[in-house]
Amino acid sequence: MAVATAVLLAWLAWGTAKYPEAFWAPGDLSRYHADITTCAGCHQPFRGAVAGQCITCHGGSRFAVQPKSGLFESHQKLMRAGKSCSGCHTEHRGAQAQITIGVGRWENP
């Protein structure tokens, strides 16, 4: 059992060091995030995707200029409540995937 565990850990370490994105990626990013080249662009180690990383690119000023009524306010309310962006927005489902789910009238183009 100890040898099997050691082999597994060595394989995980090798794969992580040599090919991190290919080794761990669950699927292709959507066309909306195709410019992101590293996992660290969205994910934090041992925590996954966190809202703080999303806000780096999708800050409040970006929502404020959107023409859709209520978009800015609804996102601000969710962020104040500590909600995760991934509760409504998904990734790693392919280039043509819809990344907004279950939000009714607000959909990605």
PDB file of N, CA and C in Angstrom:
ATOM      1  N   MET A   1       0.822  -1.189   0.000  1.00  0.00           N
ATOM      2  CA  MET A   1       0.000   0.000   0.000  1.00  0.00           C
ATOM      3  C   MET A   1       0.873   1.263   0.000  1.00  0.00           C
ATOM      4  N   ALA A   2       1.940   1.236   0.766  1.00  0.00           N
ATOM      5  CA  ALA A   2       2.827   2.389   0.839  1.00  0.00           C
ATOM      6  C   ALA A   2       3.507   2.656  -0.506  1.00  0.00           C
ATOM      7  N   VAL A   3       3.893   1.598  -1.207  1.00  0.00           N
ATOM      8  CA  VAL A   3       4.536   1.756  -2.507  1.00  0.00           C
ATOM      9  C   VAL A   3       3.540   2.327  -3.517  1.00  0.00           C
ATOM     10  N   ALA A   4       2.313   1.823  -3.509  1.00  0.00           N
ATOM     11  CA  ALA A   4       1.282   2.330  -4.419  1.00  0.00           C
ATOM     12  C   ALA A   4       1.005   3.809  -4.152  1.00  0.00           C
ATOM     13  N   THR A   5       0.935   4.190  -2.904  1.00  0.00           N
ATOM     14  CA  THR A   5       0.711   5.587  -2.533  1.00  0.00           C
ATOM     15  C   THR A   5       1.872   6.462  -3.000  1.00  0.00           C
ATOM     16  N   ALA A   6       3.095   5.979  -2.807  1.00  0.00           N
ATOM     17  CA  ALA A   6       4.276   6.730  -3.225  1.00  0.00           C
ATOM     18  C   ALA A   6       4.304   6.901  -4.746  1.00  0.00           C
ATOM     19  N   VAL A   7       3.960   5.842  -5.478  1.00  0.00           N
ATOM     20  CA  VAL A   7       3.929   5.921  -6.942  1.00  0.00           C
ATOM     21  C   VAL A   7       2.857   6.918  -7.391  1.00  0.00           C
ATOM     22  N   LEU A   8       1.694   6.859  -6.783  1.00  0.00           N
ATOM     23  CA  LEU A   8       0.613   7.781  -7.131  1.00  0.00           C
ATOM     24  C   LEU A   8       1.020   9.227  -6.863  1.00  0.00           C
ATOM     25  N   LEU A   9       1.591   9.495  -5.710  1.00  0.00           N
ATOM     26  CA  LEU A   9       2.024  10.849  -5.374  1.00  0.00           C
ATOM     27  C   LEU A   9       3.127  11.342  -6.309  1.00  0.00           C
ATOM     28  N   ALA A  10       4.044  10.458  -6.680  1.00  0.00           N
ATOM     29  CA  ALA A  10       5.112  10.829  -7.612  1.00  0.00           C
ATOM     30  C   ALA A  10       4.521  11.169  -8.980  1.00  0.00           C
ATOM     31  N   TRP A  11       3.554  10.379  -9.432  1.00  0.00           N
ATOM     32  CA  TRP A  11       2.902  10.632 -10.717  1.00  0.00           C
ATOM     33  C   TRP A  11       2.161  11.975 -10.692  1.00  0.00           C
ATOM     34  N   LEU A  12       1.441  12.256  -9.602  1.00  0.00           N
ATOM     35  CA  LEU A  12       0.733  13.530  -9.471  1.00  0.00           C
ATOM     36  C   LEU A  12       1.711  14.711  -9.457  1.00  0.00           C
ATOM     37  N   ALA A  13       2.816  14.569  -8.756  1.00  0.00           N
ATOM     38  CA  ALA A  13       3.814  15.634  -8.692  1.00  0.00           C
ATOM     39  C   ALA A  13       4.434  15.871 -10.064  1.00  0.00           C
ATOM     40  N   TRP A  14       4.773  14.787 -10.778  1.00  0.00           N
ATOM     41  CA  TRP A  14       5.355  14.915 -12.111  1.00  0.00           C
ATOM     42  C   TRP A  14       4.379  15.595 -13.069  1.00  0.00           C
ATOM     43  N   GLY A  15       3.140  15.140 -13.091  1.00  0.00           N
ATOM     44  CA  GLY A  15       2.134  15.711 -13.991  1.00  0.00           C
ATOM     45  C   GLY A  15       1.862  17.168 -13.693  1.00  0.00           C
ATOM     46  N   THR A  16       1.816  17.511 -12.424  1.00  0.00           N
ATOM     47  CA  THR A  16       1.558  18.894 -12.008  1.00  0.00           C
ATOM     48  C   THR A  16       2.713  19.805 -12.415  1.00  0.00           C
ATOM     49  N   ALA A  17       3.932  19.340 -12.246  1.00  0.00           N
ATOM     50  CA  ALA A  17       5.095  20.154 -12.582  1.00  0.00           C
ATOM     51  C   ALA A  17       5.311  20.260 -14.091  1.00  0.00           C
ATOM     52  N   LYS A  18       5.125  19.175 -14.803  1.00  0.00           N
ATOM     53  CA  LYS A  18       5.443  19.124 -16.227  1.00  0.00           C
ATOM     54  C   LYS A  18       4.342  19.724 -17.116  1.00  0.00           C
ATOM     55  N   TYR A  19       3.085  19.378 -16.861  1.00  0.00           N
ATOM     56  CA  TYR A  19       1.957  19.804 -17.696  1.00  0.00           C
ATOM     57  C   TYR A  19       0.766  20.216 -16.829  1.00  0.00           C
ATOM     58  N   PRO A  20       0.864  21.277 -16.039  1.00  0.00           N
ATOM     59  CA  PRO A  20      -0.205  21.586 -15.077  1.00  0.00           C
ATOM     60  C   PRO A  20      -1.584  21.805 -15.695  1.00  0.00           C
ATOM     61  N   GLU A  21      -1.674  22.618 -16.759  1.00  0.00           N
ATOM     62  CA  GLU A  21      -2.995  22.882 -17.333  1.00  0.00           C
ATOM     63  C   GLU A  21      -3.589  21.629 -17.959  1.00  0.00           C
ATOM     64  N   ALA A  22      -2.807  20.923 -18.745  1.00  0.00           N
ATOM     65  CA  ALA A  22      -3.308  19.709 -19.394  1.00  0.00           C
ATOM     66  C   ALA A  22      -3.609  18.610 -18.373  1.00  0.00           C
ATOM     67  N   PHE A  23      -2.831  18.559 -17.322  1.00  0.00           N
ATOM     68  CA  PHE A  23      -2.981  17.496 -16.328  1.00  0.00           C
ATOM     69  C   PHE A  23      -4.222  17.690 -15.460  1.00  0.00           C
ATOM     70  N   TRP A  24      -4.545  18.934 -15.150  1.00  0.00           N
ATOM     71  CA  TRP A  24      -5.644  19.199 -14.218  1.00  0.00           C
ATOM     72  C   TRP A  24      -6.899  19.790 -14.839  1.00  0.00           C
ATOM     73  N   ALA A  25      -6.819  20.327 -16.059  1.00  0.00           N
ATOM     74  CA  ALA A  25      -7.963  21.022 -16.658  1.00  0.00           C
ATOM     75  C   ALA A  25      -9.126  20.067 -16.917  1.00  0.00           C
ATOM     76  N   PRO A  26     -10.310  20.412 -16.449  1.00  0.00           N
ATOM     77  CA  PRO A  26     -11.480  19.562 -16.654  1.00  0.00           C
ATOM     78  C   PRO A  26     -12.130  19.748 -18.021  1.00  0.00           C
ATOM     79  N   GLY A  27     -11.730  20.748 -18.785  1.00  0.00           N
ATOM     80  CA  GLY A  27     -12.303  20.987 -20.108  1.00  0.00           C
ATOM     81  C   GLY A  27     -11.869  22.340 -20.641  1.00  0.00           C
ATOM     82  N   ASP A  28     -12.160  22.585 -21.904  1.00  0.00           N
ATOM     83  CA  ASP A  28     -11.775  23.847 -22.539  1.00  0.00           C
ATOM     84  C   ASP A  28     -12.573  25.022 -21.976  1.00  0.00           C
ATOM     85  N   LEU A  29     -11.933  26.191 -21.954  1.00  0.00           N
ATOM     86  CA  LEU A  29     -12.600  27.416 -21.529  1.00  0.00           C
ATOM     87  C   LEU A  29     -13.559  27.896 -22.603  1.00  0.00           C
ATOM     88  N   SER A  30     -14.519  28.704 -22.205  1.00  0.00           N
ATOM     89  CA  SER A  30     -15.456  29.293 -23.165  1.00  0.00           C
ATOM     90  C   SER A  30     -14.750  30.353 -23.995  1.00  0.00           C
ATOM     91  N   ARG A  31     -15.405  30.780 -25.049  1.00  0.00           N
ATOM     92  CA  ARG A  31     -14.849  31.839 -25.903  1.00  0.00           C
ATOM     93  C   ARG A  31     -14.701  33.144 -25.133  1.00  0.00           C
ATOM     94  N   TYR A  32     -15.467  33.331 -24.084  1.00  0.00           N
ATOM     95  CA  TYR A  32     -15.402  34.563 -23.290  1.00  0.00           C
ATOM     96  C   TYR A  32     -14.099  34.669 -22.509  1.00  0.00           C
ATOM     97  N   HIS A  33     -13.500  33.538 -22.190  1.00  0.00           N
ATOM     98  CA  HIS A  33     -12.273  33.524 -21.401  1.00  0.00           C
ATOM     99  C   HIS A  33     -11.113  32.858 -22.134  1.00  0.00           C
ATOM    100  N   ALA A  34     -11.182  32.808 -23.449  1.00  0.00           N
ATOM    101  CA  ALA A  34     -10.153  32.142 -24.244  1.00  0.00           C
ATOM    102  C   ALA A  34      -8.777  32.785 -24.086  1.00  0.00           C
ATOM    103  N   ASP A  35      -8.724  34.046 -23.669  1.00  0.00           N
ATOM    104  CA  ASP A  35      -7.447  34.739 -23.510  1.00  0.00           C
ATOM    105  C   ASP A  35      -6.728  34.389 -22.207  1.00  0.00           C
ATOM    106  N   ILE A  36      -7.370  33.685 -21.309  1.00  0.00           N
ATOM    107  CA  ILE A  36      -6.744  33.284 -20.048  1.00  0.00           C
ATOM    108  C   ILE A  36      -5.858  32.076 -20.330  1.00  0.00           C
ATOM    109  N   THR A  37      -4.586  32.170 -19.974  1.00  0.00           N
ATOM    110  CA  THR A  37      -3.631  31.124 -20.341  1.00  0.00           C
ATOM    111  C   THR A  37      -3.164  30.255 -19.185  1.00  0.00           C
ATOM    112  N   THR A  38      -3.418  30.672 -17.951  1.00  0.00           N
ATOM    113  CA  THR A  38      -2.982  29.857 -16.809  1.00  0.00           C
ATOM    114  C   THR A  38      -4.135  29.642 -15.833  1.00  0.00           C
ATOM    115  N   CYS A  39      -4.065  28.570 -15.112  1.00  0.00           N
ATOM    116  CA  CYS A  39      -5.097  28.265 -14.108  1.00  0.00           C
ATOM    117  C   CYS A  39      -5.178  29.371 -13.055  1.00  0.00           C
ATOM    118  N   ALA A  40      -4.018  29.944 -12.705  1.00  0.00           N
ATOM    119  CA  ALA A  40      -3.961  30.975 -11.670  1.00  0.00           C
ATOM    120  C   ALA A  40      -4.691  32.251 -12.073  1.00  0.00           C
ATOM    121  N   GLY A  41      -5.072  32.372 -13.330  1.00  0.00           N
ATOM    122  CA  GLY A  41      -5.850  33.518 -13.763  1.00  0.00           C
ATOM    123  C   GLY A  41      -7.209  33.570 -13.088  1.00  0.00           C
ATOM    124  N   CYS A  42      -7.730  32.408 -12.698  1.00  0.00           N
ATOM    125  CA  CYS A  42      -9.052  32.321 -12.058  1.00  0.00           C
ATOM    126  C   CYS A  42      -9.038  31.570 -10.720  1.00  0.00           C
ATOM    127  N   HIS A  43      -8.113  30.639 -10.599  1.00  0.00           N
ATOM    128  CA  HIS A  43      -8.102  29.743  -9.441  1.00  0.00           C
ATOM    129  C   HIS A  43      -7.011  30.091  -8.444  1.00  0.00           C
ATOM    130  N   GLN A  44      -7.309  29.837  -7.180  1.00  0.00           N
ATOM    131  CA  GLN A  44      -6.308  29.928  -6.122  1.00  0.00           C
ATOM    132  C   GLN A  44      -6.031  28.511  -5.635  1.00  0.00           C
ATOM    133  N   PRO A  45      -4.785  28.208  -5.295  1.00  0.00           N
ATOM    134  CA  PRO A  45      -4.455  26.855  -4.839  1.00  0.00           C
ATOM    135  C   PRO A  45      -5.328  26.423  -3.657  1.00  0.00           C
ATOM    136  N   PHE A  46      -5.842  25.226  -3.758  1.00  0.00           N
ATOM    137  CA  PHE A  46      -6.651  24.571  -2.717  1.00  0.00           C
ATOM    138  C   PHE A  46      -7.986  25.260  -2.449  1.00  0.00           C
ATOM    139  N   ARG A  47      -8.345  26.267  -3.245  1.00  0.00           N
ATOM    140  CA  ARG A  47      -9.626  26.958  -3.068  1.00  0.00           C
ATOM    141  C   ARG A  47     -10.460  26.955  -4.337  1.00  0.00           C
ATOM    142  N   GLY A  48      -9.829  26.741  -5.482  1.00  0.00           N
ATOM    143  CA  GLY A  48     -10.548  26.770  -6.745  1.00  0.00           C
ATOM    144  C   GLY A  48     -10.781  28.191  -7.211  1.00  0.00           C
ATOM    145  N   ALA A  49     -11.793  28.357  -8.069  1.00  0.00           N
ATOM    146  CA  ALA A  49     -12.125  29.684  -8.587  1.00  0.00           C
ATOM    147  C   ALA A  49     -12.793  30.495  -7.486  1.00  0.00           C
ATOM    148  N   VAL A  50     -12.300  31.697  -7.275  1.00  0.00           N
ATOM    149  CA  VAL A  50     -12.846  32.558  -6.228  1.00  0.00           C
ATOM    150  C   VAL A  50     -13.249  33.907  -6.825  1.00  0.00           C
ATOM    151  N   ALA A  51     -14.236  34.535  -6.236  1.00  0.00           N
ATOM    152  CA  ALA A  51     -14.766  35.799  -6.747  1.00  0.00           C
ATOM    153  C   ALA A  51     -13.696  36.875  -6.860  1.00  0.00           C
ATOM    154  N   GLY A  52     -12.753  36.884  -5.962  1.00  0.00           N
ATOM    155  CA  GLY A  52     -11.689  37.889  -6.014  1.00  0.00           C
ATOM    156  C   GLY A  52     -10.924  37.858  -7.322  1.00  0.00           C
ATOM    157  N   GLN A  53     -10.726  36.673  -7.859  1.00  0.00           N
ATOM    158  CA  GLN A  53     -10.052  36.546  -9.144  1.00  0.00           C
ATOM    159  C   GLN A  53     -10.950  37.053 -10.268  1.00  0.00           C
ATOM    160  N   CYS A  54     -12.250  36.790 -10.189  1.00  0.00           N
ATOM    161  CA  CYS A  54     -13.192  37.259 -11.217  1.00  0.00           C
ATOM    162  C   CYS A  54     -13.228  38.785 -11.247  1.00  0.00           C
ATOM    163  N   ILE A  55     -13.232  39.394 -10.075  1.00  0.00           N
ATOM    164  CA  ILE A  55     -13.352  40.846  -9.955  1.00  0.00           C
ATOM    165  C   ILE A  55     -12.129  41.551 -10.532  1.00  0.00           C
ATOM    166  N   THR A  56     -11.005  40.849 -10.607  1.00  0.00           N
ATOM    167  CA  THR A  56      -9.809  41.434 -11.211  1.00  0.00           C
ATOM    168  C   THR A  56     -10.110  41.929 -12.623  1.00  0.00           C
ATOM    169  N   CYS A  57     -10.848  41.130 -13.393  1.00  0.00           N
ATOM    170  CA  CYS A  57     -11.203  41.518 -14.767  1.00  0.00           C
ATOM    171  C   CYS A  57     -12.617  42.078 -14.878  1.00  0.00           C
ATOM    172  N   HIS A  58     -13.506  41.615 -14.029  1.00  0.00           N
ATOM    173  CA  HIS A  58     -14.927  41.986 -14.112  1.00  0.00           C
ATOM    174  C   HIS A  58     -15.314  42.849 -12.920  1.00  0.00           C
ATOM    175  N   GLY A  59     -14.636  43.963 -12.748  1.00  0.00           N
ATOM    176  CA  GLY A  59     -14.891  44.842 -11.618  1.00  0.00           C
ATOM    177  C   GLY A  59     -16.189  45.618 -11.741  1.00  0.00           C
ATOM    178  N   GLY A  60     -16.530  46.339 -10.706  1.00  0.00           N
ATOM    179  CA  GLY A  60     -17.771  47.100 -10.654  1.00  0.00           C
ATOM    180  C   GLY A  60     -17.940  48.089 -11.789  1.00  0.00           C
ATOM    181  N   SER A  61     -16.853  48.733 -12.222  1.00  0.00           N
ATOM    182  CA  SER A  61     -16.978  49.716 -13.304  1.00  0.00           C
ATOM    183  C   SER A  61     -17.404  49.051 -14.603  1.00  0.00           C
ATOM    184  N   ARG A  62     -17.022  47.809 -14.812  1.00  0.00           N
ATOM    185  CA  ARG A  62     -17.435  47.086 -16.020  1.00  0.00           C
ATOM    186  C   ARG A  62     -18.940  46.858 -16.003  1.00  0.00           C
ATOM    187  N   PHE A  63     -19.492  46.489 -14.866  1.00  0.00           N
ATOM    188  CA  PHE A  63     -20.929  46.270 -14.774  1.00  0.00           C
ATOM    189  C   PHE A  63     -21.702  47.582 -14.865  1.00  0.00           C
ATOM    190  N   ALA A  64     -21.123  48.659 -14.382  1.00  0.00           N
ATOM    191  CA  ALA A  64     -21.821  49.946 -14.370  1.00  0.00           C
ATOM    192  C   ALA A  64     -22.083  50.476 -15.773  1.00  0.00           C
ATOM    193  N   VAL A  65     -21.261  50.114 -16.746  1.00  0.00           N
ATOM    194  CA  VAL A  65     -21.443  50.622 -18.103  1.00  0.00           C
ATOM    195  C   VAL A  65     -22.286  49.680 -18.971  1.00  0.00           C
ATOM    196  N   GLN A  66     -22.710  48.567 -18.428  1.00  0.00           N
ATOM    197  CA  GLN A  66     -23.534  47.633 -19.192  1.00  0.00           C
ATOM    198  C   GLN A  66     -24.915  48.218 -19.410  1.00  0.00           C
ATOM    199  N   PRO A  67     -25.489  48.053 -20.598  1.00  0.00           N
ATOM    200  CA  PRO A  67     -26.796  48.639 -20.895  1.00  0.00           C
ATOM    201  C   PRO A  67     -27.968  47.892 -20.252  1.00  0.00           C
ATOM    202  N   LYS A  68     -27.745  46.706 -19.752  1.00  0.00           N
ATOM    203  CA  LYS A  68     -28.855  45.924 -19.208  1.00  0.00           C
ATOM    204  C   LYS A  68     -29.245  46.448 -17.827  1.00  0.00           C
ATOM    205  N   SER A  69     -30.461  46.869 -17.690  1.00  0.00           N
ATOM    206  CA  SER A  69     -30.958  47.450 -16.451  1.00  0.00           C
ATOM    207  C   SER A  69     -30.855  46.467 -15.294  1.00  0.00           C
ATOM    208  N   GLY A  70     -30.306  46.925 -14.197  1.00  0.00           N
ATOM    209  CA  GLY A  70     -30.241  46.118 -12.987  1.00  0.00           C
ATOM    210  C   GLY A  70     -29.047  45.190 -12.890  1.00  0.00           C
ATOM    211  N   LEU A  71     -28.235  45.097 -13.936  1.00  0.00           N
ATOM    212  CA  LEU A  71     -27.101  44.180 -13.928  1.00  0.00           C
ATOM    213  C   LEU A  71     -26.089  44.548 -12.844  1.00  0.00           C
ATOM    214  N   PHE A  72     -25.737  45.805 -12.785  1.00  0.00           N
ATOM    215  CA  PHE A  72     -24.763  46.262 -11.798  1.00  0.00           C
ATOM    216  C   PHE A  72     -25.273  46.039 -10.375  1.00  0.00           C
ATOM    217  N   GLU A  73     -26.502  46.450 -10.122  1.00  0.00           N
ATOM    218  CA  GLU A  73     -27.071  46.332  -8.779  1.00  0.00           C
ATOM    219  C   GLU A  73     -27.195  44.873  -8.335  1.00  0.00           C
ATOM    220  N   SER A  74     -27.622  44.024  -9.238  1.00  0.00           N
ATOM    221  CA  SER A  74     -27.787  42.618  -8.860  1.00  0.00           C
ATOM    222  C   SER A  74     -26.449  41.964  -8.538  1.00  0.00           C
ATOM    223  N   HIS A  75     -25.411  42.288  -9.297  1.00  0.00           N
ATOM    224  CA  HIS A  75     -24.099  41.723  -9.009  1.00  0.00           C
ATOM    225  C   HIS A  75     -23.519  42.290  -7.714  1.00  0.00           C
ATOM    226  N   GLN A  76     -23.718  43.575  -7.470  1.00  0.00           N
ATOM    227  CA  GLN A  76     -23.233  44.172  -6.228  1.00  0.00           C
ATOM    228  C   GLN A  76     -23.887  43.506  -5.021  1.00  0.00           C
ATOM    229  N   LYS A  77     -25.191  43.275  -5.108  1.00  0.00           N
ATOM    230  CA  LYS A  77     -25.920  42.629  -4.017  1.00  0.00           C
ATOM    231  C   LYS A  77     -25.376  41.225  -3.754  1.00  0.00           C
ATOM    232  N   LEU A  78     -25.129  40.468  -4.802  1.00  0.00           N
ATOM    233  CA  LEU A  78     -24.606  39.110  -4.652  1.00  0.00           C
ATOM    234  C   LEU A  78     -23.194  39.122  -4.083  1.00  0.00           C
ATOM    235  N   MET A  79     -22.365  40.076  -4.531  1.00  0.00           N
ATOM    236  CA  MET A  79     -21.001  40.155  -4.017  1.00  0.00           C
ATOM    237  C   MET A  79     -20.992  40.534  -2.539  1.00  0.00           C
ATOM    238  N   ARG A  80     -21.863  41.464  -2.140  1.00  0.00           N
ATOM    239  CA  ARG A  80     -21.949  41.849  -0.717  1.00  0.00           C
ATOM    240  C   ARG A  80     -22.406  40.678   0.144  1.00  0.00           C
ATOM    241  N   ALA A  81     -23.244  39.823  -0.426  1.00  0.00           N
ATOM    242  CA  ALA A  81     -23.740  38.652   0.313  1.00  0.00           C
ATOM    243  C   ALA A  81     -22.716  37.515   0.335  1.00  0.00           C
ATOM    244  N   GLY A  82     -21.570  37.715  -0.327  1.00  0.00           N
ATOM    245  CA  GLY A  82     -20.518  36.708  -0.328  1.00  0.00           C
ATOM    246  C   GLY A  82     -20.795  35.528  -1.252  1.00  0.00           C
ATOM    247  N   LYS A  83     -21.659  35.722  -2.237  1.00  0.00           N
ATOM    248  CA  LYS A  83     -21.988  34.651  -3.170  1.00  0.00           C
ATOM    249  C   LYS A  83     -20.838  34.427  -4.151  1.00  0.00           C
ATOM    250  N   SER A  84     -20.691  33.202  -4.564  1.00  0.00           N
ATOM    251  CA  SER A  84     -19.665  32.848  -5.525  1.00  0.00           C
ATOM    252  C   SER A  84     -20.143  33.128  -6.946  1.00  0.00           C
ATOM    253  N   CYS A  85     -19.258  33.619  -7.780  1.00  0.00           N
ATOM    254  CA  CYS A  85     -19.595  33.854  -9.187  1.00  0.00           C
ATOM    255  C   CYS A  85     -19.973  32.546  -9.870  1.00  0.00           C
ATOM    256  N   SER A  86     -19.326  31.455  -9.452  1.00  0.00           N
ATOM    257  CA  SER A  86     -19.579  30.166 -10.094  1.00  0.00           C
ATOM    258  C   SER A  86     -20.959  29.594  -9.763  1.00  0.00           C
ATOM    259  N   GLY A  87     -21.701  30.248  -8.910  1.00  0.00           N
ATOM    260  CA  GLY A  87     -23.067  29.824  -8.657  1.00  0.00           C
ATOM    261  C   GLY A  87     -23.968  30.053  -9.861  1.00  0.00           C
ATOM    262  N   CYS A  88     -23.628  31.060 -10.667  1.00  0.00           N
ATOM    263  CA  CYS A  88     -24.396  31.369 -11.878  1.00  0.00           C
ATOM    264  C   CYS A  88     -23.577  31.238 -13.155  1.00  0.00           C
ATOM    265  N   HIS A  89     -22.270  31.326 -13.037  1.00  0.00           N
ATOM    266  CA  HIS A  89     -21.398  31.307 -14.212  1.00  0.00           C
ATOM    267  C   HIS A  89     -20.507  30.077 -14.165  1.00  0.00           C
ATOM    268  N   THR A  90     -20.508  29.321 -15.241  1.00  0.00           N
ATOM    269  CA  THR A  90     -19.701  28.098 -15.310  1.00  0.00           C
ATOM    270  C   THR A  90     -18.624  28.237 -16.375  1.00  0.00           C
ATOM    271  N   GLU A  91     -17.627  27.421 -16.287  1.00  0.00           N
ATOM    272  CA  GLU A  91     -16.552  27.374 -17.267  1.00  0.00           C
ATOM    273  C   GLU A  91     -16.178  25.924 -17.525  1.00  0.00           C
ATOM    274  N   HIS A  92     -15.182  25.758 -18.376  1.00  0.00           N
ATOM    275  CA  HIS A  92     -14.639  24.440 -18.714  1.00  0.00           C
ATOM    276  C   HIS A  92     -15.682  23.531 -19.361  1.00  0.00           C
ATOM    277  N   ARG A  93     -16.581  24.127 -20.159  1.00  0.00           N
ATOM    278  CA  ARG A  93     -17.591  23.331 -20.843  1.00  0.00           C
ATOM    279  C   ARG A  93     -17.460  23.453 -22.357  1.00  0.00           C
ATOM    280  N   GLY A  94     -16.352  24.030 -22.817  1.00  0.00           N
ATOM    281  CA  GLY A  94     -16.100  24.158 -24.244  1.00  0.00           C
ATOM    282  C   GLY A  94     -16.211  25.583 -24.741  1.00  0.00           C
ATOM    283  N   ALA A  95     -15.607  25.827 -25.906  1.00  0.00           N
ATOM    284  CA  ALA A  95     -15.523  27.174 -26.468  1.00  0.00           C
ATOM    285  C   ALA A  95     -16.886  27.789 -26.765  1.00  0.00           C
ATOM    286  N   GLN A  96     -17.854  27.002 -27.169  1.00  0.00           N
ATOM    287  CA  GLN A  96     -19.161  27.539 -27.539  1.00  0.00           C
ATOM    288  C   GLN A  96     -20.206  27.428 -26.430  1.00  0.00           C
ATOM    289  N   ALA A  97     -19.801  27.023 -25.265  1.00  0.00           N
ATOM    290  CA  ALA A  97     -20.749  26.816 -24.166  1.00  0.00           C
ATOM    291  C   ALA A  97     -21.336  28.124 -23.651  1.00  0.00           C
ATOM    292  N   GLN A  98     -22.559  28.051 -23.197  1.00  0.00           N
ATOM    293  CA  GLN A  98     -23.209  29.167 -22.502  1.00  0.00           C
ATOM    294  C   GLN A  98     -22.684  29.139 -21.068  1.00  0.00           C
ATOM    295  N   ILE A  99     -22.113  30.230 -20.579  1.00  0.00           N
ATOM    296  CA  ILE A  99     -21.527  30.201 -19.240  1.00  0.00           C
ATOM    297  C   ILE A  99     -22.417  30.812 -18.172  1.00  0.00           C
ATOM    298  N   THR A 100     -23.546  31.380 -18.557  1.00  0.00           N
ATOM    299  CA  THR A 100     -24.491  31.915 -17.583  1.00  0.00           C
ATOM    300  C   THR A 100     -25.639  30.928 -17.462  1.00  0.00           C
ATOM    301  N   ILE A 101     -25.879  30.455 -16.239  1.00  0.00           N
ATOM    302  CA  ILE A 101     -26.925  29.456 -16.035  1.00  0.00           C
ATOM    303  C   ILE A 101     -27.914  29.914 -14.979  1.00  0.00           C
ATOM    304  N   GLY A 102     -29.156  29.599 -15.183  1.00  0.00           N
ATOM    305  CA  GLY A 102     -30.173  29.817 -14.170  1.00  0.00           C
ATOM    306  C   GLY A 102     -30.384  31.235 -13.719  1.00  0.00           C
ATOM    307  N   VAL A 103     -30.183  32.208 -14.591  1.00  0.00           N
ATOM    308  CA  VAL A 103     -30.340  33.599 -14.170  1.00  0.00           C
ATOM    309  C   VAL A 103     -31.443  34.318 -14.916  1.00  0.00           C
ATOM    310  N   GLY A 104     -32.250  33.598 -15.636  1.00  0.00           N
ATOM    311  CA  GLY A 104     -33.410  34.206 -16.276  1.00  0.00           C
ATOM    312  C   GLY A 104     -33.082  35.107 -17.438  1.00  0.00           C
ATOM    313  N   ARG A 105     -33.355  36.393 -17.288  1.00  0.00           N
ATOM    314  CA  ARG A 105     -33.278  37.304 -18.430  1.00  0.00           C
ATOM    315  C   ARG A 105     -31.865  37.723 -18.804  1.00  0.00           C
ATOM    316  N   TRP A 106     -30.885  37.562 -17.941  1.00  0.00           N
ATOM    317  CA  TRP A 106     -29.528  37.970 -18.288  1.00  0.00           C
ATOM    318  C   TRP A 106     -28.767  36.781 -18.816  1.00  0.00           C
ATOM    319  N   GLU A 107     -28.433  36.835 -20.071  1.00  0.00           N
ATOM    320  CA  GLU A 107     -27.691  35.770 -20.725  1.00  0.00           C
ATOM    321  C   GLU A 107     -26.505  36.360 -21.463  1.00  0.00           C
ATOM    322  N   ASN A 108     -25.489  35.558 -21.658  1.00  0.00           N
ATOM    323  CA  ASN A 108     -24.351  36.008 -22.446  1.00  0.00           C
ATOM    324  C   ASN A 108     -24.733  36.021 -23.919  1.00  0.00           C
ATOM    325  N   PRO A 109     -24.134  36.930 -24.691  1.00  0.00           N
ATOM    326  CA  PRO A 109     -24.457  37.011 -26.119  1.00  0.00           C
ATOM    327  C   PRO A 109     -23.983  35.767 -26.850  1.00  0.00           C
TER     328      PRO A 109
END
